[in-house]
């Protein structure tokens, strides 16, 4: 009888640990998704800024290279 009680207690402890780890995993997956979205947003913003800077350089260079006759 005592062994059966110990086994049931052990099962309960293990079930709680599994639940805790599952919740931790869900939280970590959500944080990873959030950080990935934030990183992608930063990269998109940087790419847009770099594109505008390159566009401005091209316009400036084309203005410098025009021939005035």
N, C-alpha and C. Protein backbone atom coordinates (compact mmCIF):
# COMPACT_ATOMS: atom_id res chain seq x y z
N UNK A 1 0.83 -1.20 0.00
CA UNK A 1 0.00 0.00 0.00
C UNK A 1 0.87 1.25 0.00
N UNK A 2 1.94 1.25 0.77
CA UNK A 2 2.83 2.40 0.85
C UNK A 2 3.51 2.66 -0.49
N UNK A 3 3.91 1.58 -1.16
CA UNK A 3 4.54 1.72 -2.48
C UNK A 3 3.58 2.32 -3.50
N UNK A 4 2.33 1.90 -3.41
CA UNK A 4 1.33 2.43 -4.34
C UNK A 4 1.14 3.93 -4.14
N UNK A 5 1.14 4.36 -2.89
CA UNK A 5 1.02 5.78 -2.57
C UNK A 5 2.22 6.56 -3.10
N UNK A 6 3.41 6.02 -2.92
CA UNK A 6 4.63 6.66 -3.41
C UNK A 6 4.62 6.77 -4.93
N UNK A 7 4.16 5.73 -5.59
CA UNK A 7 4.08 5.75 -7.05
C UNK A 7 3.09 6.82 -7.51
N UNK A 8 1.96 6.90 -6.85
CA UNK A 8 0.95 7.91 -7.22
C UNK A 8 1.48 9.32 -6.99
N UNK A 9 2.22 9.53 -5.90
CA UNK A 9 2.81 10.83 -5.63
C UNK A 9 3.84 11.16 -6.71
N UNK A 10 4.66 10.18 -7.05
CA UNK A 10 5.67 10.38 -8.09
C UNK A 10 5.02 10.72 -9.44
N UNK A 11 3.95 10.01 -9.76
CA UNK A 11 3.22 10.28 -11.01
C UNK A 11 2.68 11.71 -10.99
N UNK A 12 2.11 12.13 -9.88
CA UNK A 12 1.57 13.50 -9.77
C UNK A 12 2.67 14.54 -9.94
N UNK A 13 3.81 14.29 -9.32
CA UNK A 13 4.94 15.22 -9.44
C UNK A 13 5.41 15.31 -10.89
N UNK A 14 5.54 14.15 -11.53
CA UNK A 14 5.99 14.14 -12.93
C UNK A 14 4.97 14.82 -13.85
N UNK A 15 3.69 14.60 -13.61
CA UNK A 15 2.66 15.26 -14.41
C UNK A 15 2.74 16.79 -14.26
N UNK A 16 2.97 17.25 -13.03
CA UNK A 16 3.10 18.70 -12.81
C UNK A 16 4.32 19.24 -13.54
N UNK A 17 5.43 18.51 -13.47
CA UNK A 17 6.64 18.96 -14.15
C UNK A 17 6.44 19.02 -15.66
N UNK A 18 5.75 18.03 -16.21
CA UNK A 18 5.46 18.02 -17.65
C UNK A 18 4.60 19.23 -18.01
N UNK A 19 3.59 19.50 -17.19
CA UNK A 19 2.73 20.66 -17.42
C UNK A 19 3.54 21.96 -17.37
N UNK A 20 4.39 22.08 -16.35
CA UNK A 20 5.23 23.27 -16.21
C UNK A 20 6.15 23.44 -17.42
N UNK A 21 6.75 22.35 -17.85
CA UNK A 21 7.66 22.43 -19.00
C UNK A 21 6.90 22.76 -20.29
N UNK A 22 5.69 22.24 -20.41
CA UNK A 22 4.88 22.54 -21.59
C UNK A 22 4.54 24.03 -21.62
N UNK A 23 4.15 24.58 -20.46
CA UNK A 23 3.84 26.01 -20.39
C UNK A 23 5.08 26.85 -20.68
N UNK A 24 6.22 26.44 -20.14
CA UNK A 24 7.47 27.15 -20.41
C UNK A 24 7.78 27.13 -21.89
N UNK A 25 7.59 25.98 -22.51
CA UNK A 25 7.85 25.85 -23.94
C UNK A 25 6.94 26.78 -24.76
N UNK A 26 5.68 26.85 -24.39
CA UNK A 26 4.73 27.73 -25.10
C UNK A 26 5.17 29.19 -24.96
N UNK A 27 5.56 29.58 -23.76
CA UNK A 27 6.02 30.96 -23.53
C UNK A 27 7.27 31.25 -24.36
N UNK A 28 8.22 30.32 -24.35
CA UNK A 28 9.45 30.53 -25.10
C UNK A 28 9.19 30.60 -26.60
N UNK A 29 8.30 29.76 -27.10
CA UNK A 29 7.95 29.81 -28.53
C UNK A 29 7.32 31.15 -28.88
N UNK A 30 6.47 31.66 -28.02
CA UNK A 30 5.84 32.97 -28.25
C UNK A 30 6.89 34.08 -28.25
N UNK A 31 7.85 34.01 -27.32
CA UNK A 31 8.91 35.02 -27.27
C UNK A 31 9.79 34.95 -28.53
N UNK A 32 10.10 33.74 -28.97
CA UNK A 32 10.90 33.58 -30.19
C UNK A 32 10.16 34.18 -31.38
N UNK A 33 8.87 33.91 -31.48
CA UNK A 33 8.08 34.46 -32.59
C UNK A 33 8.07 35.99 -32.54
N UNK A 34 7.87 36.54 -31.34
CA UNK A 34 7.85 37.99 -31.18
C UNK A 34 9.19 38.61 -31.56
N UNK A 35 10.28 38.01 -31.07
CA UNK A 35 11.61 38.54 -31.38
C UNK A 35 11.92 38.40 -32.87
N UNK A 36 11.49 37.31 -33.49
CA UNK A 36 11.70 37.13 -34.93
C UNK A 36 10.94 38.20 -35.72
N UNK A 37 9.71 38.47 -35.30
CA UNK A 37 8.92 39.51 -35.97
C UNK A 37 9.57 40.88 -35.82
N UNK A 38 10.07 41.16 -34.61
CA UNK A 38 10.73 42.45 -34.38
C UNK A 38 12.00 42.57 -35.21
N UNK A 39 12.78 41.49 -35.29
CA UNK A 39 14.00 41.49 -36.08
C UNK A 39 13.68 41.69 -37.55
N UNK A 40 12.68 40.99 -38.06
CA UNK A 40 12.28 41.16 -39.46
C UNK A 40 11.84 42.59 -39.74
N UNK A 41 11.13 43.20 -38.80
CA UNK A 41 10.69 44.58 -38.96
C UNK A 41 11.89 45.52 -39.03
N UNK A 42 12.87 45.29 -38.16
CA UNK A 42 14.08 46.12 -38.16
C UNK A 42 14.83 45.96 -39.48
N UNK A 43 14.95 44.72 -39.95
CA UNK A 43 15.65 44.46 -41.21
C UNK A 43 14.93 45.14 -42.37
N UNK A 44 13.60 45.05 -42.39
CA UNK A 44 12.83 45.70 -43.45
C UNK A 44 13.03 47.22 -43.42
N UNK A 45 13.04 47.79 -42.22
CA UNK A 45 13.24 49.23 -42.08
C UNK A 45 14.63 49.62 -42.57
N UNK A 46 15.64 48.85 -42.18
CA UNK A 46 17.01 49.14 -42.63
C UNK A 46 17.13 49.01 -44.14
N UNK A 47 16.51 48.00 -44.70
CA UNK A 47 16.55 47.83 -46.15
C UNK A 47 15.87 49.00 -46.86
N UNK A 48 14.76 49.47 -46.30
CA UNK A 48 14.07 50.61 -46.90
C UNK A 48 14.93 51.86 -46.81
N UNK A 49 15.58 52.07 -45.66
CA UNK A 49 16.46 53.24 -45.50
C UNK A 49 17.63 53.15 -46.47
N UNK A 50 18.25 51.97 -46.56
CA UNK A 50 19.38 51.80 -47.48
C UNK A 50 18.96 51.99 -48.92
N UNK A 51 17.76 51.52 -49.25
CA UNK A 51 17.25 51.71 -50.61
C UNK A 51 17.07 53.18 -50.93
N UNK A 52 16.53 53.94 -49.99
CA UNK A 52 16.34 55.38 -50.21
C UNK A 52 17.68 56.10 -50.29
N UNK A 53 18.65 55.67 -49.48
CA UNK A 53 19.97 56.29 -49.53
C UNK A 53 20.63 56.00 -50.88
N UNK A 54 20.51 54.77 -51.35
CA UNK A 54 21.09 54.42 -52.64
C UNK A 54 20.41 55.18 -53.77
N UNK A 55 19.11 55.34 -53.66
CA UNK A 55 18.35 56.08 -54.66
C UNK A 55 18.80 57.55 -54.68
N UNK A 56 19.01 58.12 -53.51
CA UNK A 56 19.46 59.51 -53.42
C UNK A 56 20.86 59.65 -54.01
N UNK A 57 21.74 58.69 -53.76
CA UNK A 57 23.09 58.73 -54.33
C UNK A 57 23.03 58.66 -55.84
N UNK A 58 22.17 57.79 -56.36
CA UNK A 58 22.04 57.65 -57.81
C UNK A 58 21.56 58.96 -58.43
N UNK A 59 20.59 59.59 -57.81
CA UNK A 59 20.07 60.87 -58.32
C UNK A 59 21.18 61.92 -58.27
N UNK A 60 21.89 61.99 -57.16
CA UNK A 60 22.97 62.96 -57.00
C UNK A 60 24.06 62.71 -58.05
N UNK A 61 24.44 61.46 -58.23
CA UNK A 61 25.48 61.12 -59.20
C UNK A 61 25.03 61.43 -60.62
N UNK A 62 23.77 61.20 -60.93
CA UNK A 62 23.29 61.49 -62.28
C UNK A 62 23.23 62.99 -62.52
N UNK A 63 22.96 63.77 -61.46
CA UNK A 63 22.95 65.22 -61.60
C UNK A 63 24.38 65.74 -61.81
N UNK A 64 25.34 65.13 -61.16
CA UNK A 64 26.74 65.54 -61.34
C UNK A 64 27.26 65.17 -62.71
N UNK A 65 26.72 64.11 -63.28
CA UNK A 65 27.23 63.63 -64.55
C UNK A 65 26.54 64.21 -65.76
N UNK A 66 25.62 65.13 -65.59
CA UNK A 66 24.93 65.69 -66.76
C UNK A 66 25.84 66.66 -67.48
N UNK A 67 25.72 66.65 -68.78
CA UNK A 67 26.51 67.56 -69.61
C UNK A 67 25.67 68.80 -69.90
N UNK A 68 26.23 69.94 -69.60
CA UNK A 68 25.54 71.20 -69.90
C UNK A 68 26.18 71.78 -71.16
N UNK A 69 25.43 71.80 -72.25
CA UNK A 69 25.94 72.35 -73.51
C UNK A 69 25.39 73.70 -73.74
